[in-house]
Amino acid sequence: MLAVAAAHEPMRRVLGTPAPLAAELRPVHDDDFRAATVTAYVQARSRGDWPAELRLIAEAARYDAAHPEEQPLAEELHAIEMYGTQYSEAA
């Protein structure tokens, strides 16, 4: 998961890690992006880091706009906030 986090923008912002060099970047699979975003969101909530939560929700909204055929990631984050679980488990 750490390798994914290094190339994953929302996780990088939340963890405060330096931006990887262009040569270090590798494509991040959509499933990895979603998993890393959910992981970062849960970690931000556990720390009470509201600004990080908002950044991750914004990242999820951008992802949803680019992937309208998928289950909305922003709704999944909202379900975690409301029900303490992932959207698919709460629905």
N, C-alpha and C. Protein backbone atom coordinates (compact mmCIF):
# COMPACT_ATOMS: atom_id res chain seq x y z
N MET A 1 0.83 -1.19 0.00
CA MET A 1 0.00 0.00 0.00
C MET A 1 0.87 1.26 0.00
N LEU A 2 2.06 1.19 0.59
CA LEU A 2 2.92 2.37 0.63
C LEU A 2 3.34 2.80 -0.77
N ALA A 3 3.59 1.84 -1.66
CA ALA A 3 3.97 2.20 -3.03
C ALA A 3 2.82 2.92 -3.72
N VAL A 4 1.60 2.48 -3.47
CA VAL A 4 0.43 3.16 -4.05
C VAL A 4 0.31 4.55 -3.45
N ALA A 5 0.51 4.67 -2.15
CA ALA A 5 0.37 5.97 -1.48
C ALA A 5 1.36 6.99 -2.04
N ALA A 6 2.56 6.55 -2.41
CA ALA A 6 3.56 7.48 -2.92
C ALA A 6 3.14 8.08 -4.25
N ALA A 7 2.36 7.35 -5.03
CA ALA A 7 1.94 7.84 -6.34
C ALA A 7 0.51 8.36 -6.32
N HIS A 8 -0.11 8.39 -5.19
CA HIS A 8 -1.52 8.75 -5.07
C HIS A 8 -1.66 10.15 -4.48
N GLU A 9 -2.15 11.07 -5.25
CA GLU A 9 -2.18 12.48 -4.85
C GLU A 9 -2.95 12.74 -3.56
N PRO A 10 -4.18 12.25 -3.38
CA PRO A 10 -4.86 12.53 -2.10
C PRO A 10 -4.10 11.99 -0.90
N MET A 11 -3.57 10.79 -1.01
CA MET A 11 -2.83 10.21 0.11
C MET A 11 -1.56 11.02 0.36
N ARG A 12 -0.87 11.46 -0.71
CA ARG A 12 0.35 12.25 -0.56
C ARG A 12 0.04 13.55 0.18
N ARG A 13 -1.06 14.19 -0.17
CA ARG A 13 -1.42 15.44 0.50
C ARG A 13 -1.70 15.23 1.98
N VAL A 14 -2.44 14.18 2.29
CA VAL A 14 -2.81 13.93 3.68
C VAL A 14 -1.60 13.54 4.51
N LEU A 15 -0.76 12.67 3.97
CA LEU A 15 0.40 12.21 4.71
C LEU A 15 1.53 13.23 4.72
N GLY A 16 1.47 14.22 3.82
CA GLY A 16 2.50 15.25 3.77
C GLY A 16 3.82 14.76 3.22
N THR A 17 3.79 13.72 2.40
CA THR A 17 5.02 13.20 1.82
C THR A 17 5.41 14.07 0.63
N PRO A 18 6.70 14.14 0.31
CA PRO A 18 7.11 14.95 -0.84
C PRO A 18 6.60 14.35 -2.14
N ALA A 19 6.40 15.21 -3.11
CA ALA A 19 5.94 14.75 -4.42
C ALA A 19 7.01 13.87 -5.05
N PRO A 20 6.60 12.73 -5.63
CA PRO A 20 7.60 11.87 -6.26
C PRO A 20 8.15 12.51 -7.53
N LEU A 21 9.37 12.13 -7.89
CA LEU A 21 9.95 12.60 -9.14
C LEU A 21 9.19 11.98 -10.30
N ALA A 22 9.18 12.64 -11.44
CA ALA A 22 8.45 12.14 -12.61
C ALA A 22 8.88 10.72 -12.96
N ALA A 23 10.16 10.42 -12.81
CA ALA A 23 10.66 9.08 -13.14
C ALA A 23 10.13 8.03 -12.17
N GLU A 24 9.70 8.44 -10.97
CA GLU A 24 9.20 7.50 -9.98
C GLU A 24 7.71 7.22 -10.12
N LEU A 25 7.02 8.07 -10.88
CA LEU A 25 5.57 7.91 -11.01
C LEU A 25 5.25 6.67 -11.83
N ARG A 26 4.21 6.00 -11.41
CA ARG A 26 3.71 4.87 -12.18
C ARG A 26 2.19 5.02 -12.22
N PRO A 27 1.55 4.44 -13.21
CA PRO A 27 0.09 4.55 -13.25
C PRO A 27 -0.54 3.93 -12.00
N VAL A 28 -1.57 4.56 -11.51
CA VAL A 28 -2.29 4.05 -10.35
C VAL A 28 -3.62 3.51 -10.84
N HIS A 29 -3.87 2.24 -10.59
CA HIS A 29 -5.12 1.61 -11.00
C HIS A 29 -6.27 2.27 -10.25
N ASP A 30 -7.43 2.35 -10.89
CA ASP A 30 -8.60 2.99 -10.27
C ASP A 30 -8.95 2.35 -8.92
N ASP A 31 -8.85 1.02 -8.83
CA ASP A 31 -9.16 0.36 -7.57
C ASP A 31 -8.17 0.78 -6.47
N ASP A 32 -6.90 0.94 -6.85
CA ASP A 32 -5.89 1.40 -5.89
C ASP A 32 -6.19 2.83 -5.45
N PHE A 33 -6.59 3.67 -6.40
CA PHE A 33 -6.94 5.06 -6.08
C PHE A 33 -8.09 5.10 -5.08
N ARG A 34 -9.13 4.31 -5.38
CA ARG A 34 -10.30 4.29 -4.50
C ARG A 34 -9.92 3.78 -3.10
N ALA A 35 -9.15 2.70 -3.05
CA ALA A 35 -8.75 2.13 -1.76
C ALA A 35 -7.89 3.10 -0.97
N ALA A 36 -6.95 3.75 -1.64
CA ALA A 36 -6.07 4.70 -0.96
C ALA A 36 -6.85 5.91 -0.47
N THR A 37 -7.84 6.36 -1.25
CA THR A 37 -8.66 7.50 -0.84
C THR A 37 -9.48 7.14 0.39
N VAL A 38 -10.11 5.97 0.39
CA VAL A 38 -10.89 5.53 1.54
C VAL A 38 -9.99 5.39 2.76
N THR A 39 -8.83 4.79 2.59
CA THR A 39 -7.88 4.62 3.70
C THR A 39 -7.46 5.97 4.27
N ALA A 40 -7.11 6.90 3.38
CA ALA A 40 -6.70 8.23 3.83
C ALA A 40 -7.84 8.94 4.55
N TYR A 41 -9.07 8.76 4.05
CA TYR A 41 -10.23 9.40 4.68
C TYR A 41 -10.45 8.85 6.09
N VAL A 42 -10.40 7.54 6.23
CA VAL A 42 -10.57 6.92 7.55
C VAL A 42 -9.48 7.39 8.51
N GLN A 43 -8.25 7.48 8.02
CA GLN A 43 -7.15 7.96 8.87
C GLN A 43 -7.37 9.42 9.26
N ALA A 44 -7.81 10.24 8.33
CA ALA A 44 -8.05 11.66 8.64
C ALA A 44 -9.17 11.79 9.66
N ARG A 45 -10.23 10.99 9.53
CA ARG A 45 -11.33 11.03 10.50
C ARG A 45 -10.85 10.60 11.88
N SER A 46 -9.99 9.59 11.92
CA SER A 46 -9.53 9.10 13.23
C SER A 46 -8.65 10.14 13.93
N ARG A 47 -7.98 10.98 13.14
CA ARG A 47 -7.15 12.05 13.72
C ARG A 47 -7.95 13.32 13.97
N GLY A 48 -9.17 13.37 13.47
CA GLY A 48 -9.96 14.60 13.60
C GLY A 48 -9.45 15.70 12.69
N ASP A 49 -8.87 15.33 11.58
CA ASP A 49 -8.28 16.28 10.63
C ASP A 49 -9.31 16.69 9.58
N TRP A 50 -10.16 17.65 9.97
CA TRP A 50 -11.24 18.09 9.10
C TRP A 50 -10.75 18.64 7.76
N PRO A 51 -9.70 19.46 7.70
CA PRO A 51 -9.22 19.94 6.39
C PRO A 51 -8.81 18.80 5.46
N ALA A 52 -8.18 17.77 6.00
CA ALA A 52 -7.81 16.62 5.17
C ALA A 52 -9.05 15.89 4.67
N GLU A 53 -10.05 15.76 5.53
CA GLU A 53 -11.30 15.12 5.11
C GLU A 53 -11.92 15.88 3.94
N LEU A 54 -11.95 17.20 4.05
CA LEU A 54 -12.53 18.02 2.97
C LEU A 54 -11.74 17.88 1.67
N ARG A 55 -10.41 17.86 1.77
CA ARG A 55 -9.59 17.67 0.56
C ARG A 55 -9.88 16.33 -0.09
N LEU A 56 -10.03 15.30 0.72
CA LEU A 56 -10.30 13.97 0.18
C LEU A 56 -11.69 13.89 -0.44
N ILE A 57 -12.67 14.54 0.15
CA ILE A 57 -14.01 14.58 -0.44
C ILE A 57 -13.95 15.30 -1.79
N ALA A 58 -13.19 16.38 -1.86
CA ALA A 58 -13.04 17.11 -3.13
C ALA A 58 -12.35 16.23 -4.18
N GLU A 59 -11.32 15.49 -3.77
CA GLU A 59 -10.64 14.57 -4.69
C GLU A 59 -11.62 13.51 -5.18
N ALA A 60 -12.45 12.99 -4.27
CA ALA A 60 -13.44 11.98 -4.64
C ALA A 60 -14.44 12.55 -5.64
N ALA A 61 -14.86 13.79 -5.44
CA ALA A 61 -15.80 14.42 -6.38
C ALA A 61 -15.18 14.58 -7.76
N ARG A 62 -13.89 14.94 -7.82
CA ARG A 62 -13.21 15.04 -9.11
C ARG A 62 -13.11 13.66 -9.77
N TYR A 63 -12.81 12.66 -8.98
CA TYR A 63 -12.73 11.29 -9.50
C TYR A 63 -14.10 10.87 -10.05
N ASP A 64 -15.16 11.16 -9.30
CA ASP A 64 -16.51 10.80 -9.74
C ASP A 64 -16.88 11.47 -11.06
N ALA A 65 -16.49 12.72 -11.22
CA ALA A 65 -16.78 13.43 -12.47
C ALA A 65 -16.07 12.79 -13.65
N ALA A 66 -14.89 12.24 -13.42
CA ALA A 66 -14.13 11.59 -14.48
C ALA A 66 -14.55 10.14 -14.71
N HIS A 67 -15.31 9.56 -13.77
CA HIS A 67 -15.72 8.16 -13.85
C HIS A 67 -17.22 8.03 -13.55
N PRO A 68 -18.08 8.64 -14.37
CA PRO A 68 -19.52 8.64 -14.05
C PRO A 68 -20.18 7.27 -14.08
N GLU A 69 -19.54 6.29 -14.69
CA GLU A 69 -20.12 4.96 -14.79
C GLU A 69 -19.90 4.12 -13.52
N GLU A 70 -19.06 4.59 -12.61
CA GLU A 70 -18.75 3.84 -11.40
C GLU A 70 -19.61 4.30 -10.22
N GLN A 71 -19.64 3.47 -9.18
CA GLN A 71 -20.30 3.86 -7.94
C GLN A 71 -19.59 5.09 -7.40
N PRO A 72 -20.31 6.14 -7.02
CA PRO A 72 -19.67 7.37 -6.58
C PRO A 72 -18.79 7.20 -5.34
N LEU A 73 -17.55 7.60 -5.47
CA LEU A 73 -16.59 7.53 -4.37
C LEU A 73 -16.96 8.53 -3.28
N ALA A 74 -17.44 9.70 -3.66
CA ALA A 74 -17.83 10.71 -2.66
C ALA A 74 -18.96 10.18 -1.78
N GLU A 75 -19.89 9.42 -2.36
CA GLU A 75 -20.96 8.83 -1.56
C GLU A 75 -20.41 7.79 -0.59
N GLU A 76 -19.39 7.07 -1.02
CA GLU A 76 -18.77 6.09 -0.14
C GLU A 76 -18.14 6.78 1.07
N LEU A 77 -17.46 7.89 0.82
CA LEU A 77 -16.86 8.65 1.93
C LEU A 77 -17.94 9.22 2.85
N HIS A 78 -19.02 9.69 2.26
CA HIS A 78 -20.13 10.22 3.06
C HIS A 78 -20.73 9.11 3.93
N ALA A 79 -20.86 7.91 3.38
CA ALA A 79 -21.40 6.80 4.16
C ALA A 79 -20.49 6.45 5.33
N ILE A 80 -19.19 6.55 5.12
CA ILE A 80 -18.25 6.30 6.21
C ILE A 80 -18.50 7.32 7.33
N GLU A 81 -18.71 8.56 6.94
CA GLU A 81 -18.98 9.60 7.94
C GLU A 81 -20.29 9.33 8.67
N MET A 82 -21.31 8.94 7.92
CA MET A 82 -22.64 8.76 8.51
C MET A 82 -22.78 7.44 9.27
N TYR A 83 -22.26 6.36 8.71
CA TYR A 83 -22.54 5.03 9.25
C TYR A 83 -21.30 4.30 9.76
N GLY A 84 -20.12 4.87 9.54
CA GLY A 84 -18.91 4.22 9.99
C GLY A 84 -18.54 3.01 9.17
N THR A 85 -19.03 2.94 7.96
CA THR A 85 -18.73 1.80 7.09
C THR A 85 -18.70 2.29 5.66
N GLN A 86 -18.30 1.42 4.77
CA GLN A 86 -18.29 1.80 3.36
C GLN A 86 -19.71 1.78 2.81
N TYR A 87 -19.96 2.60 1.81
CA TYR A 87 -21.29 2.76 1.23
C TYR A 87 -21.89 1.42 0.83
N SER A 88 -21.13 0.56 0.17
CA SER A 88 -21.66 -0.71 -0.30
C SER A 88 -22.15 -1.59 0.84
N GLU A 89 -21.54 -1.44 2.03
CA GLU A 89 -21.98 -2.23 3.18
C GLU A 89 -23.18 -1.61 3.87
N ALA A 90 -23.33 -0.29 3.76
CA ALA A 90 -24.42 0.40 4.43
C ALA A 90 -25.71 0.39 3.62
N ALA A 91 -25.58 0.27 2.30
CA ALA A 91 -26.75 0.34 1.42
C ALA A 91 -27.58 -0.93 1.49
